[in-house]
PDB file of N, CA and C in Angstrom:
ATOM      1  N   MET A   1     128.125  76.550  86.918  1.00  0.00           N
ATOM      2  CA  MET A   1     127.872  77.299  88.264  1.00  0.00           C
ATOM      3  C   MET A   1     126.379  77.629  88.221  1.00  0.00           C
ATOM      4  N   ILE A   2     125.800  77.606  89.392  1.00  0.00           N
ATOM      5  CA  ILE A   2     124.286  77.964  89.342  1.00  0.00           C
ATOM      6  C   ILE A   2     124.223  79.423  89.358  1.00  0.00           C
ATOM      7  N   ALA A   3     123.186  80.092  88.967  1.00  0.00           N
ATOM      8  CA  ALA A   3     122.892  81.417  88.922  1.00  0.00           C
ATOM      9  C   ALA A   3     122.370  81.770  90.355  1.00  0.00           C
ATOM     10  N   CYS A   4     122.647  83.297  90.568  1.00  0.00           N
ATOM     11  CA  CYS A   4     122.017  83.926  91.674  1.00  0.00           C
ATOM     12  C   CYS A   4     120.402  83.779  91.843  1.00  0.00           C
ATOM     13  N   ARG A   5     120.063  83.996  90.593  1.00  0.00           N
ATOM     14  CA  ARG A   5     118.624  83.961  90.459  1.00  0.00           C
ATOM     15  C   ARG A   5     117.884  82.428  90.999  1.00  0.00           C
ATOM     16  N   GLN A   6     118.549  81.456  90.608  1.00  0.00           N
ATOM     17  CA  GLN A   6     118.398  79.964  90.857  1.00  0.00           C
ATOM     18  C   GLN A   6     118.324  79.829  92.619  1.00  0.00           C
ATOM     19  N   VAL A   7     119.473  80.334  92.981  1.00  0.00           N
ATOM     20  CA  VAL A   7     119.739  80.287  94.518  1.00  0.00           C
ATOM     21  C   VAL A   7     118.788  81.093  95.266  1.00  0.00           C
ATOM     22  N   ALA A   8     118.462  82.315  94.927  1.00  0.00           N
ATOM     23  CA  ALA A   8     117.533  83.005  95.726  1.00  0.00           C
ATOM     24  C   ALA A   8     116.125  82.410  95.613  1.00  0.00           C
ATOM     25  N   LYS A   9     115.684  81.869  94.417  1.00  0.00           N
ATOM     26  CA  LYS A   9     114.304  81.245  94.482  1.00  0.00           C
ATOM     27  C   LYS A   9     114.218  79.795  95.055  1.00  0.00           C
ATOM     28  N   ALA A  10     115.305  79.064  95.333  1.00  0.00           N
ATOM     29  CA  ALA A  10     115.467  77.893  96.154  1.00  0.00           C
ATOM     30  C   ALA A  10     115.339  78.326  97.837  1.00  0.00           C
ATOM     31  N   LEU A  11     116.103  79.348  97.841  1.00  0.00           N
ATOM     32  CA  LEU A  11     115.981  79.813  99.372  1.00  0.00           C
ATOM     33  C   LEU A  11     114.884  80.542  99.619  1.00  0.00           C
ATOM     34  N   ALA A  12     114.227  81.174  98.713  1.00  0.00           N
ATOM     35  CA  ALA A  12     112.746  81.708  99.277  1.00  0.00           C
ATOM     36  C   ALA A  12     112.056  80.842  99.354  1.00  0.00           C
ATOM     37  N   ASN A  13     111.891  79.847  98.618  1.00  0.00           N
ATOM     38  CA  ASN A  13     110.728  78.703  98.439  1.00  0.00           C
ATOM     39  C   ASN A  13     111.218  77.616  99.578  1.00  0.00           C
ATOM     40  N   HIS A  14     112.064  77.770 100.253  1.00  0.00           N
ATOM     41  CA  HIS A  14     112.534  76.716 101.300  1.00  0.00           C
ATOM     42  C   HIS A  14     112.689  75.444 100.767  1.00  0.00           C
ATOM     43  N   ARG A  15     113.158  75.427  99.451  1.00  0.00           N
ATOM     44  CA  ARG A  15     113.466  74.172  98.730  1.00  0.00           C
ATOM     45  C   ARG A  15     114.687  73.634  98.834  1.00  0.00           C
ATOM     46  N   TYR A  16     115.659  74.473  99.484  1.00  0.00           N
ATOM     47  CA  TYR A  16     116.940  74.217  99.579  1.00  0.00           C
ATOM     48  C   TYR A  16     117.523  72.999 100.085  1.00  0.00           C
ATOM     49  N   TYR A  17     116.704  72.696 101.177  1.00  0.00           N
ATOM     50  CA  TYR A  17     116.961  71.299 101.872  1.00  0.00           C
ATOM     51  C   TYR A  17     116.307  70.005 101.275  1.00  0.00           C
ATOM     52  N   GLU A  18     115.299  70.406 100.298  1.00  0.00           N
ATOM     53  CA  GLU A  18     114.552  69.250  99.677  1.00  0.00           C
ATOM     54  C   GLU A  18     115.438  69.020  98.480  1.00  0.00           C
ATOM     55  N   LEU A  19     116.326  69.398  98.131  1.00  0.00           N
ATOM     56  CA  LEU A  19     117.006  69.292  96.787  1.00  0.00           C
ATOM     57  C   LEU A  19     117.834  67.962  96.968  1.00  0.00           C
ATOM     58  N   PRO A  20     118.325  67.129  96.079  1.00  0.00           N
ATOM     59  CA  PRO A  20     119.170  65.840  96.237  1.00  0.00           C
ATOM     60  C   PRO A  20     120.343  66.529  96.416  1.00  0.00           C
ATOM     61  N   TRP A  21     121.443  65.983  96.979  1.00  0.00           N
ATOM     62  CA  TRP A  21     122.676  66.148  97.385  1.00  0.00           C
ATOM     63  C   TRP A  21     123.531  66.875  96.120  1.00  0.00           C
ATOM     64  N   TYR A  22     123.321  66.318  95.096  1.00  0.00           N
ATOM     65  CA  TYR A  22     124.263  66.663  93.992  1.00  0.00           C
ATOM     66  C   TYR A  22     123.827  67.972  93.394  1.00  0.00           C
ATOM     67  N   ARG A  23     122.571  68.502  93.841  1.00  0.00           N
ATOM     68  CA  ARG A  23     122.237  69.821  93.380  1.00  0.00           C
ATOM     69  C   ARG A  23     122.531  70.933  94.715  1.00  0.00           C
ATOM     70  N   ARG A  24     122.577  70.475  95.939  1.00  0.00           N
ATOM     71  CA  ARG A  24     122.641  71.106  97.008  1.00  0.00           C
ATOM     72  C   ARG A  24     124.135  71.550  97.151  1.00  0.00           C
ATOM     73  N   ILE A  25     125.257  70.575  96.639  1.00  0.00           N
ATOM     74  CA  ILE A  25     126.757  70.844  96.815  1.00  0.00           C
ATOM     75  C   ILE A  25     127.029  72.195  95.823  1.00  0.00           C
ATOM     76  N   PRO A  26     126.481  72.439  94.602  1.00  0.00           N
ATOM     77  CA  PRO A  26     126.815  73.568  93.864  1.00  0.00           C
ATOM     78  C   PRO A  26     126.104  74.738  94.349  1.00  0.00           C
ATOM     79  N   MET A  27     125.040  74.663  94.882  1.00  0.00           N
ATOM     80  CA  MET A  27     124.371  75.506  95.454  1.00  0.00           C
ATOM     81  C   MET A  27     124.974  76.127  96.755  1.00  0.00           C
ATOM     82  N   PHE A  28     125.520  75.147  97.610  1.00  0.00           N
ATOM     83  CA  PHE A  28     126.161  75.603  98.808  1.00  0.00           C
ATOM     84  C   PHE A  28     127.424  76.344  98.684  1.00  0.00           C
ATOM     85  N   ILE A  29     127.932  75.904  97.557  1.00  0.00           N
ATOM     86  CA  ILE A  29     129.563  76.647  97.138  1.00  0.00           C
ATOM     87  C   ILE A  29     129.173  77.901  96.511  1.00  0.00           C
ATOM     88  N   HIS A  30     128.068  77.996  95.751  1.00  0.00           N
ATOM     89  CA  HIS A  30     127.666  79.188  95.406  1.00  0.00           C
ATOM     90  C   HIS A  30     127.325  80.158  96.410  1.00  0.00           C
ATOM     91  N   ILE A  31     126.768  79.831  97.540  1.00  0.00           N
ATOM     92  CA  ILE A  31     126.248  80.802  98.607  1.00  0.00           C
ATOM     93  C   ILE A  31     127.707  81.050  99.314  1.00  0.00           C
ATOM     94  N   ARG A  32     128.668  80.109  99.334  1.00  0.00           N
ATOM     95  CA  ARG A  32     129.942  80.617 100.021  1.00  0.00           C
ATOM     96  C   ARG A  32     130.867  81.455  99.241  1.00  0.00           C
ATOM     97  N   LEU A  33     130.654  81.464  97.942  1.00  0.00           N
ATOM     98  CA  LEU A  33     131.475  82.206  97.131  1.00  0.00           C
ATOM     99  C   LEU A  33     130.750  83.578  96.731  1.00  0.00           C
ATOM    100  N   CYS A  34     129.589  83.703  96.711  1.00  0.00           N
ATOM    101  CA  CYS A  34     128.857  84.827  96.299  1.00  0.00           C
ATOM    102  C   CYS A  34     128.344  85.551  97.494  1.00  0.00           C
ATOM    103  N   VAL A  35     128.790  86.876  97.554  1.00  0.00           N
ATOM    104  CA  VAL A  35     128.776  87.629  98.774  1.00  0.00           C
ATOM    105  C   VAL A  35     127.210  88.005  98.829  1.00  0.00           C
ATOM    106  N   MET A  36     126.511  88.311  97.865  1.00  0.00           N
ATOM    107  CA  MET A  36     125.041  88.773  97.846  1.00  0.00           C
ATOM    108  C   MET A  36     124.136  87.436  98.344  1.00  0.00           C
ATOM    109  N   CYS A  37     124.447  86.405  97.605  1.00  0.00           N
ATOM    110  CA  CYS A  37     123.741  85.205  98.103  1.00  0.00           C
ATOM    111  C   CYS A  37     124.072  84.808  99.408  1.00  0.00           C
ATOM    112  N   GLY A  38     125.308  84.975  99.784  1.00  0.00           N
ATOM    113  CA  GLY A  38     125.670  84.601 101.334  1.00  0.00           C
ATOM    114  C   GLY A  38     124.974  85.575 102.169  1.00  0.00           C
ATOM    115  N   LYS A  39     124.626  86.794 101.956  1.00  0.00           N
ATOM    116  CA  LYS A  39     123.958  87.603 102.739  1.00  0.00           C
ATOM    117  C   LYS A  39     122.553  87.247 102.811  1.00  0.00           C
ATOM    118  N   TYR A  40     122.120  86.969 101.609  1.00  0.00           N
ATOM    119  CA  TYR A  40     120.579  86.738 101.480  1.00  0.00           C
ATOM    120  C   TYR A  40     120.375  85.391 102.354  1.00  0.00           C
ATOM    121  N   HIS A  41     121.219  84.491 102.422  1.00  0.00           N
ATOM    122  CA  HIS A  41     121.028  83.273 103.023  1.00  0.00           C
ATOM    123  C   HIS A  41     121.085  83.453 104.543  1.00  0.00           C
ATOM    124  N   GLN A  42     122.028  84.391 104.944  1.00  0.00           N
ATOM    125  CA  GLN A  42     122.078  84.533 106.308  1.00  0.00           C
ATOM    126  C   GLN A  42     120.805  85.488 106.813  1.00  0.00           C
ATOM    127  N   GLN A  43     120.360  86.170 106.082  1.00  0.00           N
ATOM    128  CA  GLN A  43     119.090  86.967 106.347  1.00  0.00           C
ATOM    129  C   GLN A  43     117.975  85.988 106.581  1.00  0.00           C
ATOM    130  N   ILE A  44     117.752  84.973 105.454  1.00  0.00           N
ATOM    131  CA  ILE A  44     116.786  84.231 105.629  1.00  0.00           C
ATOM    132  C   ILE A  44     116.832  83.086 106.956  1.00  0.00           C
ATOM    133  N   VAL A  45     118.236  82.845 106.977  1.00  0.00           N
ATOM    134  CA  VAL A  45     118.396  81.920 108.448  1.00  0.00           C
ATOM    135  C   VAL A  45     118.071  82.788 109.665  1.00  0.00           C
ATOM    136  N   ASP A  46     118.296  84.130 109.654  1.00  0.00           N
ATOM    137  CA  ASP A  46     118.080  84.867 110.837  1.00  0.00           C
ATOM    138  C   ASP A  46     116.524  84.950 111.016  1.00  0.00           C
ATOM    139  N   VAL A  47     115.874  85.230 109.987  1.00  0.00           N
ATOM    140  CA  VAL A  47     114.310  85.323 109.905  1.00  0.00           C
ATOM    141  C   VAL A  47     113.809  84.108 110.522  1.00  0.00           C
ATOM    142  N   GLN A  48     114.309  82.893 110.040  1.00  0.00           N
ATOM    143  CA  GLN A  48     113.784  81.719 110.387  1.00  0.00           C
ATOM    144  C   GLN A  48     113.723  81.396 111.722  1.00  0.00           C
ATOM    145  N   ARG A  49     115.067  81.718 112.377  1.00  0.00           N
ATOM    146  CA  ARG A  49     115.494  81.536 113.806  1.00  0.00           C
ATOM    147  C   ARG A  49     114.603  82.595 114.698  1.00  0.00           C
ATOM    148  N   GLY A  50     114.227  83.713 114.242  1.00  0.00           N
ATOM    149  CA  GLY A  50     113.553  84.455 114.870  1.00  0.00           C
ATOM    150  C   GLY A  50     112.282  84.122 115.054  1.00  0.00           C
ATOM    151  N   VAL A  51     111.574  83.539 114.000  1.00  0.00           N
ATOM    152  CA  VAL A  51     110.120  83.009 113.862  1.00  0.00           C
ATOM    153  C   VAL A  51     109.969  81.802 114.901  1.00  0.00           C
ATOM    154  N   HIS A  52     111.067  80.978 114.891  1.00  0.00           N
ATOM    155  CA  HIS A  52     111.202  79.681 115.645  1.00  0.00           C
ATOM    156  C   HIS A  52     111.249  80.036 117.297  1.00  0.00           C
ATOM    157  N   ASP A  53     112.015  81.057 117.523  1.00  0.00           N
ATOM    158  CA  ASP A  53     112.146  81.453 118.816  1.00  0.00           C
ATOM    159  C   ASP A  53     110.710  82.171 119.224  1.00  0.00           C
ATOM    160  N   TYR A  54     110.442  82.932 118.382  1.00  0.00           N
ATOM    161  CA  TYR A  54     108.908  83.527 118.865  1.00  0.00           C
ATOM    162  C   TYR A  54     107.947  82.565 119.214  1.00  0.00           C
ATOM    163  N   LEU A  55     107.878  81.713 118.277  1.00  0.00           N
ATOM    164  CA  LEU A  55     106.621  80.525 118.396  1.00  0.00           C
ATOM    165  C   LEU A  55     107.063  79.636 119.498  1.00  0.00           C
ATOM    166  N   GLU A  56     108.317  79.444 120.002  1.00  0.00           N
ATOM    167  CA  GLU A  56     108.602  78.839 121.273  1.00  0.00           C
ATOM    168  C   GLU A  56     108.032  79.751 122.565  1.00  0.00           C
ATOM    169  N   HIS A  57     108.408  80.829 122.582  1.00  0.00           N
ATOM    170  CA  HIS A  57     108.057  81.746 123.662  1.00  0.00           C
ATOM    171  C   HIS A  57     106.452  81.922 123.535  1.00  0.00           C
ATOM    172  N   GLU A  58     105.912  81.853 122.542  1.00  0.00           N
ATOM    173  CA  GLU A  58     104.518  82.023 122.538  1.00  0.00           C
ATOM    174  C   GLU A  58     103.933  80.821 123.087  1.00  0.00           C
ATOM    175  N   ASP A  59     104.273  79.562 122.511  1.00  0.00           N
ATOM    176  CA  ASP A  59     103.791  78.395 123.340  1.00  0.00           C
ATOM    177  C   ASP A  59     103.950  78.356 124.830  1.00  0.00           C
ATOM    178  N   ALA A  60     105.101  78.827 125.347  1.00  0.00           N
ATOM    179  CA  ALA A  60     105.367  78.810 126.936  1.00  0.00           C
ATOM    180  C   ALA A  60     104.793  79.975 127.375  1.00  0.00           C
ATOM    181  N   GLY A  61     104.235  80.836 126.930  1.00  0.00           N
ATOM    182  CA  GLY A  61     103.364  81.841 127.419  1.00  0.00           C
ATOM    183  C   GLY A  61     104.261  83.038 128.029  1.00  0.00           C
ATOM    184  N   ASP A  62     105.709  83.194 127.307  1.00  0.00           N
ATOM    185  CA  ASP A  62     106.408  84.140 127.960  1.00  0.00           C
ATOM    186  C   ASP A  62     106.048  85.396 127.220  1.00  0.00           C
ATOM    187  N   ILE A  63     105.417  85.590 126.201  1.00  0.00           N
ATOM    188  CA  ILE A  63     105.257  87.020 125.372  1.00  0.00           C
ATOM    189  C   ILE A  63     103.956  87.754 126.032  1.00  0.00           C
ATOM    190  N   GLU A  64     104.564  89.079 126.191  1.00  0.00           N
ATOM    191  CA  GLU A  64     103.766  89.988 126.797  1.00  0.00           C
ATOM    192  C   GLU A  64     102.764  90.623 125.630  1.00  0.00           C
ATOM    193  N   THR A  65     101.637  90.094 125.855  1.00  0.00           N
ATOM    194  CA  THR A  65     100.463  90.746 124.642  1.00  0.00           C
ATOM    195  C   THR A  65     100.062  92.026 124.906  1.00  0.00           C
ATOM    196  N   HIS A  66     100.148  92.696 126.146  1.00  0.00           N
ATOM    197  CA  HIS A  66      99.574  93.842 126.365  1.00  0.00           C
ATOM    198  C   HIS A  66     100.630  94.780 126.784  1.00  0.00           C
ATOM    199  N   VAL A  67     101.221  95.557 125.730  1.00  0.00           N
ATOM    200  CA  VAL A  67     102.213  96.180 125.913  1.00  0.00           C
ATOM    201  C   VAL A  67     101.886  97.744 125.616  1.00  0.00           C
ATOM    202  N   HIS A  68     102.206  98.832 126.533  1.00  0.00           N
ATOM    203  CA  HIS A  68     101.701  99.949 126.570  1.00  0.00           C
ATOM    204  C   HIS A  68     102.887 100.886 126.578  1.00  0.00           C
ATOM    205  N   LEU A  69     102.892 101.993 125.912  1.00  0.00           N
ATOM    206  CA  LEU A  69     103.876 102.963 125.894  1.00  0.00           C
ATOM    207  C   LEU A  69     103.437 103.974 126.713  1.00  0.00           C
ATOM    208  N   SER A  70     104.233 104.824 127.495  1.00  0.00           N
ATOM    209  CA  SER A  70     103.948 105.955 128.097  1.00  0.00           C
ATOM    210  C   SER A  70     103.430 107.004 127.160  1.00  0.00           C
ATOM    211  N   ASP A  71     102.861 108.012 127.824  1.00  0.00           N
ATOM    212  CA  ASP A  71     102.677 109.125 126.900  1.00  0.00           C
ATOM    213  C   ASP A  71     103.870 110.018 126.367  1.00  0.00           C
ATOM    214  N   GLU A  72     105.005 109.975 127.359  1.00  0.00           N
ATOM    215  CA  GLU A  72     106.267 110.549 126.974  1.00  0.00           C
ATOM    216  C   GLU A  72     106.969 109.736 125.858  1.00  0.00           C
ATOM    217  N   ALA A  73     106.902 108.267 125.985  1.00  0.00           N
ATOM    218  CA  ALA A  73     107.567 107.541 124.763  1.00  0.00           C
ATOM    219  C   ALA A  73     106.937 107.861 123.470  1.00  0.00           C
ATOM    220  N   LYS A  74     105.528 107.868 123.510  1.00  0.00           N
ATOM    221  CA  LYS A  74     104.646 108.351 122.325  1.00  0.00           C
ATOM    222  C   LYS A  74     104.910 109.626 121.626  1.00  0.00           C
ATOM    223  N   ALA A  75     105.140 110.614 122.463  1.00  0.00           N
ATOM    224  CA  ALA A  75     105.739 111.863 122.058  1.00  0.00           C
ATOM    225  C   ALA A  75     106.865 111.876 121.371  1.00  0.00           C
ATOM    226  N   ARG A  76     107.978 111.054 122.184  1.00  0.00           N
ATOM    227  CA  ARG A  76     109.169 110.887 121.598  1.00  0.00           C
ATOM    228  C   ARG A  76     109.366 110.450 120.338  1.00  0.00           C
ATOM    229  N   ILE A  77     108.349 109.454 120.048  1.00  0.00           N
ATOM    230  CA  ILE A  77     108.384 108.665 118.626  1.00  0.00           C
ATOM    231  C   ILE A  77     107.718 109.583 117.868  1.00  0.00           C
ATOM    232  N   ALA A  78     106.736 110.390 118.123  1.00  0.00           N
ATOM    233  CA  ALA A  78     106.223 111.319 117.071  1.00  0.00           C
ATOM    234  C   ALA A  78     107.091 112.234 116.757  1.00  0.00           C
ATOM    235  N   GLU A  79     107.908 112.812 117.756  1.00  0.00           N
ATOM    236  CA  GLU A  79     108.820 113.989 117.347  1.00  0.00           C
ATOM    237  C   GLU A  79     109.856 113.661 116.387  1.00  0.00           C
ATOM    238  N   ALA A  80     110.210 112.249 116.759  1.00  0.00           N
ATOM    239  CA  ALA A  80     111.444 111.704 115.887  1.00  0.00           C
ATOM    240  C   ALA A  80     110.818 111.596 114.445  1.00  0.00           C
ATOM    241  N   MET A  81     109.550 110.978 114.171  1.00  0.00           N
ATOM    242  CA  MET A  81     109.336 110.729 113.095  1.00  0.00           C
ATOM    243  C   MET A  81     108.717 111.975 112.153  1.00  0.00           C
ATOM    244  N   GLU A  82     108.496 113.077 112.839  1.00  0.00           N
ATOM    245  CA  GLU A  82     108.350 114.333 112.190  1.00  0.00           C
ATOM    246  C   GLU A  82     109.698 114.862 111.915  1.00  0.00           C
ATOM    247  N   GLN A  83     110.756 114.644 112.397  1.00  0.00           N
ATOM    248  CA  GLN A  83     111.941 115.270 112.113  1.00  0.00           C
ATOM    249  C   GLN A  83     112.709 114.614 110.732  1.00  0.00           C
ATOM    250  N   LYS A  84     112.235 113.429 110.529  1.00  0.00           N
ATOM    251  CA  LYS A  84     112.693 112.658 109.364  1.00  0.00           C
ATOM    252  C   LYS A  84     111.986 112.745 108.201  1.00  0.00           C
TER     253      LYS A  84
END
């Protein structure tokens, strides 16, 4: 069985898909069986999907670059930060 450290390193370095099939299969099984590695894998997939979506919207010009908060919103945020 592959160790969690090896799985995490391969996922973090984006080398999971570069591995030969006989190394990917045990890693895939490990990700499915290990709760922590499964969560980590899902987090990486979510981040990659978010970055991909952001880049698509950036290329299309859909991203608002000049977003401004109202003074009321700034005050609410400052108050919430002081309470914690």
